[in-house]
Amino acid sequence: MMSTDRGGPVGPAPPATIYGGVLGELDQIDQAVYRAIAATPSPSLDLIMSRLSSAADHSKLWFAVAAALALKPGQPRRAAVLGVASIGLASATANLVGKGLLRRARPDRAGLNVPAGRQVRMPRSTSFPSGHSASAFAFATAVGDELPLAWLPLHTLAAAVTYSRVHTGVHYPSDVLVGSLMGTGAAVAVRYTGRALARARSDRGS
């Protein structure tokens, strides 16, 4: 696109201007989706989403699933270990690295009229990315890769937890989207690291 000066073309817009414009537009879309969810009455969902969101605080929900899996030796126990390890990496990446690099303020629930009946405790940490979403998709991906039959139910639950963070007003949609991607990446990293260590032990033993 050509910029103009007094009606004449002077060359394309600087990349920084285009980049800034794209980011600004994406932020407007992000906030528009947040406002639309806040403005949509959903009394039947409000209690479910608030309880689900709270259940995932400090990964309590995922640790409970891992504990149940660990009761059965073999593949389920291995899946539980991989799931917990993935949560650890995802949580550290999202909360210690991600939130430190981009210190985005939490949404203004009062100003945006998020219904009181769906609200949960507003965390004190910054908003981007979502640690809940990172942990949810890290666990679902790690366990689902190890136990294929669990892949769909776990990812469905992870998606519900992720959405609940926007529904209850504590995150913008982009926060949970990026957190989900980070969690998936953490699970992949843990899986490949585990396989590499297993091959190294096998090579030493042969």
Protein backbone atom coordinates (compact mmCIF):
# COMPACT_ATOMS: atom_id res chain seq x y z
CA MET A 1 0.00 0.00 0.00
CA MET A 2 1.41 3.43 -1.00
CA SER A 3 1.41 6.33 1.40
CA THR A 4 0.94 9.81 -0.03
CA ASP A 5 2.18 13.32 0.69
CA ARG A 6 0.05 16.17 -0.65
CA GLY A 7 -1.69 13.77 -2.98
CA GLY A 8 1.46 12.18 -4.49
CA PRO A 9 2.80 8.68 -3.82
CA VAL A 10 5.93 8.62 -1.69
CA GLY A 11 6.42 4.87 -1.24
CA PRO A 12 5.01 2.02 0.80
CA ALA A 13 4.09 2.41 4.44
CA PRO A 14 6.94 1.47 6.80
CA PRO A 15 6.80 -2.15 8.06
CA ALA A 16 6.63 -0.92 11.65
CA THR A 17 3.49 1.08 10.81
CA ILE A 18 1.83 -1.91 9.17
CA TYR A 19 2.86 -4.19 12.04
CA GLY A 20 1.54 -1.76 14.63
CA GLY A 21 -1.70 -1.39 12.73
CA VAL A 22 -2.23 -5.16 12.57
CA LEU A 23 -1.57 -5.53 16.29
CA GLY A 24 -3.97 -2.71 17.07
CA GLU A 25 -6.72 -4.25 14.97
CA LEU A 26 -6.18 -7.68 16.53
CA ASP A 27 -6.41 -6.10 19.97
CA GLN A 28 -9.69 -4.43 19.01
CA ILE A 29 -11.09 -7.78 17.83
CA ASP A 30 -9.85 -9.42 21.02
CA GLN A 31 -11.62 -6.88 23.21
CA ALA A 32 -14.75 -6.95 21.06
CA VAL A 33 -15.08 -10.72 21.56
CA TYR A 34 -14.55 -10.27 25.30
CA ARG A 35 -17.27 -7.59 25.44
CA ALA A 36 -19.66 -9.75 23.40
CA ILE A 37 -19.27 -12.68 25.79
CA ALA A 38 -19.69 -10.38 28.80
CA ALA A 39 -22.85 -8.87 27.31
CA THR A 40 -24.48 -12.21 26.44
CA PRO A 41 -26.79 -13.45 29.24
CA SER A 42 -26.03 -17.10 30.06
CA PRO A 43 -27.38 -17.87 33.55
CA SER A 44 -27.37 -21.63 32.89
CA LEU A 45 -23.67 -21.57 32.05
CA ASP A 46 -22.50 -19.08 34.64
CA LEU A 47 -22.41 -21.42 37.62
CA ILE A 48 -20.87 -24.27 35.61
CA MET A 49 -18.14 -22.08 34.15
CA SER A 50 -17.27 -20.40 37.45
CA ARG A 51 -16.99 -23.73 39.25
CA LEU A 52 -14.96 -25.30 36.45
CA SER A 53 -12.62 -22.33 36.37
CA SER A 54 -12.09 -22.52 40.13
CA ALA A 55 -11.57 -26.30 39.99
CA ALA A 56 -8.63 -25.71 37.65
CA ASP A 57 -6.92 -23.26 40.05
CA HIS A 58 -3.35 -24.44 40.73
CA SER A 59 -4.10 -27.35 38.34
CA LYS A 60 -6.13 -29.14 41.05
CA LEU A 61 -8.42 -30.66 38.42
CA TRP A 62 -5.53 -32.09 36.40
CA PHE A 63 -3.67 -33.39 39.43
CA ALA A 64 -6.84 -35.24 40.47
CA VAL A 65 -7.05 -36.89 37.05
CA ALA A 66 -3.34 -37.72 37.21
CA ALA A 67 -3.77 -39.31 40.64
CA ALA A 68 -6.57 -41.51 39.31
CA LEU A 69 -4.44 -42.57 36.35
CA ALA A 70 -1.43 -43.28 38.55
CA LEU A 71 -3.40 -45.94 40.43
CA LYS A 72 -3.10 -48.22 37.40
CA PRO A 73 0.46 -49.37 36.53
CA GLY A 74 1.79 -49.29 33.00
CA GLN A 75 0.65 -46.84 30.36
CA PRO A 76 -1.87 -44.94 32.54
CA ARG A 77 0.78 -44.28 35.19
CA ARG A 78 3.27 -43.20 32.55
CA ALA A 79 0.63 -40.87 31.09
CA ALA A 80 0.07 -39.34 34.53
CA VAL A 81 3.80 -38.68 34.95
CA LEU A 82 4.08 -37.11 31.50
CA GLY A 83 0.97 -35.02 32.16
CA VAL A 84 2.28 -33.63 35.44
CA ALA A 85 5.71 -32.94 33.92
CA SER A 86 4.04 -31.09 31.05
CA ILE A 87 2.02 -28.98 33.49
CA GLY A 88 5.24 -28.05 35.26
CA LEU A 89 6.94 -26.90 32.07
CA ALA A 90 3.84 -25.12 30.74
CA SER A 91 3.22 -23.34 34.03
CA ALA A 92 6.82 -22.16 34.28
CA THR A 93 6.84 -20.98 30.67
CA ALA A 94 3.52 -19.13 30.90
CA ASN A 95 3.76 -17.69 34.40
CA LEU A 96 7.46 -16.98 34.76
CA VAL A 97 8.46 -16.17 31.18
CA GLY A 98 5.32 -15.15 29.30
CA LYS A 99 3.77 -12.93 31.96
CA GLY A 100 7.12 -11.28 32.63
CA LEU A 101 7.73 -10.34 29.00
CA LEU A 102 4.36 -8.81 28.21
CA ARG A 103 2.75 -7.29 31.28
CA ARG A 104 -0.82 -6.99 30.07
CA ALA A 105 -3.33 -5.72 32.60
CA ARG A 106 -6.30 -7.90 33.53
CA PRO A 107 -9.67 -7.01 31.98
CA ASP A 108 -11.77 -4.35 33.70
CA ARG A 109 -14.73 -6.56 34.62
CA ALA A 110 -16.64 -3.77 36.32
CA GLY A 111 -16.21 -1.37 33.43
CA LEU A 112 -17.19 -4.04 30.91
CA ASN A 113 -20.21 -5.20 32.92
CA VAL A 114 -19.31 -8.86 33.39
CA PRO A 115 -22.26 -10.34 35.33
CA ALA A 116 -21.47 -10.80 39.02
CA GLY A 117 -22.99 -14.28 39.05
CA ARG A 118 -20.28 -15.70 36.80
CA GLN A 119 -17.25 -14.07 38.38
CA VAL A 120 -14.39 -15.87 40.14
CA ARG A 121 -11.49 -14.40 42.10
CA MET A 122 -9.46 -12.07 39.92
CA PRO A 123 -5.79 -13.19 39.99
CA ARG A 124 -3.14 -10.67 40.95
CA SER A 125 -0.82 -11.73 38.15
CA THR A 126 -0.79 -10.14 34.71
CA SER A 127 -3.19 -11.36 32.04
CA PHE A 128 -1.07 -12.64 29.13
CA PRO A 129 -0.80 -15.57 28.62
CA SER A 130 -3.31 -17.69 30.56
CA GLY A 131 -1.60 -20.13 32.92
CA HIS A 132 -4.83 -22.11 33.34
CA SER A 133 -5.06 -22.65 29.59
CA ALA A 134 -1.39 -23.59 29.31
CA SER A 135 -1.68 -26.20 32.06
CA ALA A 136 -4.97 -27.56 30.69
CA PHE A 137 -3.68 -28.17 27.18
CA ALA A 138 -0.30 -29.38 28.41
CA PHE A 139 -1.97 -32.11 30.45
CA ALA A 140 -4.57 -32.99 27.83
CA THR A 141 -1.96 -33.24 25.07
CA ALA A 142 0.56 -35.25 27.09
CA VAL A 143 -1.98 -37.74 28.43
CA GLY A 144 -3.94 -37.88 25.18
CA ASP A 145 -0.84 -38.78 23.19
CA GLU A 146 -0.11 -41.61 25.59
CA LEU A 147 -3.74 -42.78 25.95
CA PRO A 148 -5.53 -42.11 22.61
CA LEU A 149 -8.96 -42.96 24.02
CA ALA A 150 -8.55 -40.13 26.52
CA TRP A 151 -7.54 -37.57 23.90
CA LEU A 152 -11.01 -36.28 23.01
CA PRO A 153 -12.54 -36.11 26.52
CA LEU A 154 -9.43 -34.47 27.97
CA HIS A 155 -9.18 -31.90 25.18
CA THR A 156 -12.89 -31.17 25.51
CA LEU A 157 -12.41 -30.55 29.22
CA ALA A 158 -9.30 -28.44 28.55
CA ALA A 159 -11.23 -26.34 26.02
CA ALA A 160 -14.04 -25.83 28.55
CA VAL A 161 -11.55 -24.69 31.21
CA THR A 162 -9.95 -22.36 28.68
CA TYR A 163 -13.27 -20.82 27.69
CA SER A 164 -14.27 -20.49 31.34
CA ARG A 165 -11.42 -18.04 31.89
CA VAL A 166 -12.95 -15.67 29.34
CA HIS A 167 -16.52 -16.36 30.45
CA THR A 168 -15.71 -15.47 34.05
CA GLY A 169 -13.96 -12.30 32.89
CA VAL A 170 -10.40 -12.89 34.08
CA HIS A 171 -8.80 -13.22 30.62
CA TYR A 172 -9.11 -11.88 27.10
CA PRO A 173 -9.55 -14.45 24.29
CA SER A 174 -5.99 -14.00 23.02
CA ASP A 175 -4.64 -14.75 26.51
CA VAL A 176 -6.23 -18.19 26.53
CA LEU A 177 -5.43 -18.90 22.87
CA VAL A 178 -1.72 -18.27 23.32
CA GLY A 179 -1.73 -20.11 26.66
CA SER A 180 -3.29 -23.15 24.96
CA LEU A 181 -0.62 -23.14 22.26
CA MET A 182 2.13 -22.83 24.86
CA GLY A 183 0.70 -25.75 26.81
CA THR A 184 0.55 -27.92 23.71
CA GLY A 185 4.14 -27.01 22.91
CA ALA A 186 5.25 -27.87 26.44
CA ALA A 187 3.66 -31.32 26.17
CA VAL A 188 5.41 -31.97 22.85
CA ALA A 189 8.73 -30.89 24.37
CA VAL A 190 8.26 -33.20 27.36
CA ARG A 191 7.29 -36.10 25.12
CA TYR A 192 10.35 -35.78 22.87
CA THR A 193 12.65 -35.24 25.83
CA GLY A 194 11.27 -38.41 27.46
CA ARG A 195 11.78 -40.39 24.29
CA ALA A 196 15.33 -39.08 23.87
CA LEU A 197 16.19 -40.06 27.44
CA ALA A 198 14.68 -43.50 26.93
CA ARG A 199 16.76 -44.03 23.77
CA ALA A 200 19.89 -42.89 25.59
CA ARG A 201 19.28 -45.39 28.40
CA SER A 202 18.62 -48.11 25.86
CA ASP A 203 21.84 -47.33 24.02
CA ARG A 204 23.86 -47.44 27.24
CA GLY A 205 22.31 -50.78 28.16
CA SER A 206 22.98 -52.43 24.79
